[in-house]
Amino acid sequence: DSEESDSEEEEEEEEAEEEEGLDLGTIGESYATCKRTLPRRVREAQMKRFCKAQAIQRRLEEIEVTFRELEQQGIKLEKFLRDEGGSPADQKTQWMNQLLYLVQKKNSLMSEESDLMIAVQELKLEEEQWQLDQKLRWYMEKEGKCPCGMGGSGARLGTPPPPRPHCSPLLPQKP
């Protein structure tokens, strides 16, 4: 939370600086501020996506382990139900209830896994959007326009920026 509040304070200061720059009519200073803050904001967004991807990966691994544990418990309960033909009805009912609980828990985990896979897809789309934004900035700089609309003296490169490695290798690839 302290990092977020520090980041928010920095953003507020930068916005105030940008507003001051516009009020004074110093577009060059405002452009410099924009050029300085943009890479930092991009890095922060990348780190946020990366941390989210890692958290999703950890939770998916935990779910996988829990699936295996539930499966082993279910196998044991099924064996009890099959092998104990002469067991009292109360014992069989208890085992059936335990088995149904395991199935319910497994279904709950499958639902959570599905939600996490949707979050993975969302992260991939955010990454794709980032790459498209980078290309757009490159083309705008090539044409002499600043992506923040300030006009520009951006560096003109010969080729668009290479795509950066993204978080998807961290996440399981499911069809």
Protein backbone atom coordinates (compact mmCIF):
# COMPACT_ATOMS: atom_id res chain seq x y z
CA ASP A 1 0.00 0.00 0.00
CA SER A 2 2.82 2.40 0.75
CA GLU A 3 4.26 1.80 -2.72
CA GLU A 4 0.87 2.53 -4.27
CA SER A 5 0.45 5.72 -2.24
CA ASP A 6 3.99 6.82 -3.16
CA SER A 7 3.23 6.09 -6.80
CA GLU A 8 -0.05 8.00 -6.58
CA GLU A 9 1.70 10.95 -4.95
CA GLU A 10 4.35 10.96 -7.68
CA GLU A 11 1.67 10.83 -10.37
CA GLU A 12 -0.17 13.74 -8.73
CA GLU A 13 3.06 15.74 -8.60
CA GLU A 14 3.77 14.96 -12.25
CA GLU A 15 0.24 15.91 -13.26
CA ALA A 16 0.64 19.16 -11.35
CA GLU A 17 3.97 19.75 -13.13
CA GLU A 18 2.32 19.01 -16.47
CA GLU A 19 -0.53 21.41 -15.70
CA GLU A 20 1.94 24.09 -14.63
CA GLY A 21 3.85 23.55 -17.86
CA LEU A 22 0.67 24.04 -19.88
CA ASP A 23 -0.38 27.07 -17.85
CA LEU A 24 2.97 28.72 -18.47
CA GLY A 25 2.87 27.85 -22.11
CA THR A 26 6.06 25.81 -21.94
CA ILE A 27 5.21 22.96 -24.20
CA GLY A 28 8.83 21.82 -24.33
CA GLU A 29 8.92 21.27 -20.56
CA SER A 30 5.58 19.51 -20.67
CA TYR A 31 6.81 17.27 -23.46
CA ALA A 32 9.92 16.45 -21.43
CA THR A 33 7.76 15.54 -18.45
CA CYS A 34 5.57 13.38 -20.67
CA LYS A 35 8.62 11.71 -22.15
CA ARG A 36 10.04 11.13 -18.66
CA THR A 37 6.87 9.76 -17.05
CA LEU A 38 5.72 7.56 -19.90
CA PRO A 39 8.50 4.96 -19.61
CA ARG A 40 8.02 4.79 -15.85
CA ARG A 41 4.29 4.28 -16.19
CA VAL A 42 4.91 1.62 -18.81
CA ARG A 43 7.34 -0.18 -16.47
CA GLU A 44 4.84 0.03 -13.62
CA ALA A 45 2.09 -1.43 -15.80
CA GLN A 46 4.44 -4.19 -16.99
CA MET A 47 5.39 -5.06 -13.40
CA LYS A 48 1.75 -5.08 -12.37
CA ARG A 49 0.89 -7.49 -15.20
CA PHE A 50 3.94 -9.63 -14.39
CA CYS A 51 3.03 -9.86 -10.69
CA LYS A 52 -0.56 -10.69 -11.56
CA ALA A 53 0.63 -13.41 -13.96
CA GLN A 54 2.86 -14.89 -11.24
CA ALA A 55 0.00 -14.89 -8.72
CA ILE A 56 -2.26 -16.61 -11.24
CA GLN A 57 0.42 -19.18 -12.00
CA ARG A 58 0.93 -19.94 -8.30
CA ARG A 59 -2.80 -20.33 -7.72
CA LEU A 60 -3.16 -22.62 -10.76
CA GLU A 61 -0.35 -24.79 -9.38
CA GLU A 62 -2.07 -24.88 -5.96
CA ILE A 63 -5.33 -25.90 -7.62
CA GLU A 64 -3.53 -28.69 -9.49
CA VAL A 65 -2.07 -30.03 -6.23
CA THR A 66 -5.48 -29.84 -4.56
CA PHE A 67 -7.03 -31.70 -7.51
CA ARG A 68 -4.55 -34.54 -7.01
CA GLU A 69 -5.24 -34.66 -3.26
CA LEU A 70 -9.00 -34.70 -3.84
CA GLU A 71 -8.60 -37.45 -6.40
CA GLN A 72 -6.63 -39.60 -3.95
CA GLN A 73 -9.23 -39.05 -1.23
CA GLY A 74 -12.00 -39.88 -3.69
CA ILE A 75 -10.25 -43.10 -4.75
CA LYS A 76 -9.91 -44.13 -1.11
CA LEU A 77 -13.59 -43.41 -0.40
CA GLU A 78 -14.70 -45.32 -3.50
CA LYS A 79 -12.67 -48.33 -2.37
CA PHE A 80 -14.28 -48.17 1.07
CA LEU A 81 -17.72 -48.05 -0.52
CA ARG A 82 -17.00 -51.00 -2.84
CA ASP A 83 -15.08 -53.20 -0.43
CA GLU A 84 -17.19 -52.73 2.67
CA GLY A 85 -20.34 -54.53 1.56
CA GLY A 86 -21.26 -55.47 5.14
CA SER A 87 -20.66 -52.03 6.66
CA PRO A 88 -23.47 -50.38 8.55
CA ALA A 89 -25.68 -48.05 6.55
CA ASP A 90 -24.55 -45.06 8.62
CA GLN A 91 -20.93 -45.68 7.64
CA LYS A 92 -21.84 -45.92 3.96
CA THR A 93 -23.89 -42.73 4.19
CA GLN A 94 -20.97 -40.93 5.80
CA TRP A 95 -18.61 -42.09 3.05
CA MET A 96 -21.10 -41.05 0.36
CA ASN A 97 -21.43 -37.62 1.96
CA GLN A 98 -17.65 -37.28 2.03
CA LEU A 99 -17.45 -38.31 -1.60
CA LEU A 100 -20.13 -35.79 -2.58
CA TYR A 101 -18.24 -33.10 -0.64
CA LEU A 102 -15.09 -33.94 -2.59
CA VAL A 103 -16.98 -33.67 -5.88
CA GLN A 104 -18.42 -30.32 -4.80
CA LYS A 105 -14.97 -29.03 -3.84
CA LYS A 106 -13.52 -30.25 -7.14
CA ASN A 107 -16.27 -28.44 -9.06
CA SER A 108 -15.56 -25.28 -7.08
CA LEU A 109 -11.86 -25.52 -7.93
CA MET A 110 -12.66 -26.11 -11.59
CA SER A 111 -14.76 -22.95 -11.59
CA GLU A 112 -11.91 -20.99 -9.99
CA GLU A 113 -9.47 -22.43 -12.52
CA SER A 114 -11.77 -21.30 -15.32
CA ASP A 115 -11.87 -17.78 -13.86
CA LEU A 116 -8.07 -17.75 -13.65
CA MET A 117 -7.75 -18.84 -17.27
CA ILE A 118 -9.99 -15.91 -18.22
CA ALA A 119 -7.62 -13.65 -16.26
CA VAL A 120 -4.72 -15.18 -18.20
CA GLN A 121 -6.44 -14.33 -21.46
CA GLU A 122 -7.02 -10.80 -20.17
CA LEU A 123 -3.31 -10.44 -19.42
CA LYS A 124 -2.43 -11.65 -22.90
CA LEU A 125 -4.77 -9.07 -24.40
CA GLU A 126 -3.26 -6.33 -22.22
CA GLU A 127 0.18 -7.38 -23.44
CA GLU A 128 -0.98 -7.28 -27.05
CA GLN A 129 -2.45 -3.83 -26.48
CA TRP A 130 0.86 -2.68 -24.99
CA GLN A 131 2.73 -3.89 -28.07
CA LEU A 132 0.27 -2.14 -30.38
CA ASP A 133 0.64 1.06 -28.34
CA GLN A 134 4.42 0.80 -28.72
CA LYS A 135 4.08 0.47 -32.50
CA LEU A 136 1.71 3.43 -32.58
CA ARG A 137 4.17 5.55 -30.60
CA TRP A 138 6.97 4.53 -32.94
CA TYR A 139 4.97 5.50 -36.02
CA MET A 140 3.88 8.77 -34.45
CA GLU A 141 7.48 9.62 -33.54
CA LYS A 142 8.54 8.67 -37.05
CA GLU A 143 6.02 11.18 -38.40
CA GLY A 144 7.29 13.78 -35.93
CA LYS A 145 4.33 13.69 -33.60
CA CYS A 146 4.52 13.02 -29.88
CA PRO A 147 2.12 10.31 -28.68
CA CYS A 148 0.87 12.70 -26.01
CA GLY A 149 -0.14 15.25 -28.65
CA MET A 150 2.56 17.84 -27.85
CA GLY A 151 4.28 17.88 -31.23
CA GLY A 152 7.64 16.40 -31.31
CA SER A 153 11.21 15.91 -31.85
CA GLY A 154 11.08 12.20 -31.16
CA ALA A 155 13.94 9.98 -32.12
CA ARG A 156 13.34 8.58 -35.55
CA LEU A 157 14.23 4.97 -35.73
CA GLY A 158 14.59 2.83 -38.79
CA THR A 159 12.43 -0.03 -37.57
CA PRO A 160 9.57 -0.38 -35.11
CA PRO A 161 10.50 -1.54 -31.62
CA PRO A 162 10.91 -5.29 -31.28
CA PRO A 163 8.17 -7.08 -29.40
CA ARG A 164 9.18 -7.56 -25.80
CA PRO A 165 9.06 -10.92 -24.11
CA HIS A 166 5.83 -11.17 -22.22
CA CYS A 167 4.44 -13.04 -19.24
CA SER A 168 2.71 -15.82 -21.13
CA PRO A 169 5.62 -18.29 -20.76
CA LEU A 170 4.93 -18.08 -17.03
CA LEU A 171 1.41 -19.31 -17.54
CA PRO A 172 0.35 -22.78 -18.60
CA GLN A 173 -0.62 -23.09 -22.20
CA LYS A 174 -4.02 -24.79 -22.37
CA PRO A 175 -5.91 -25.29 -25.61
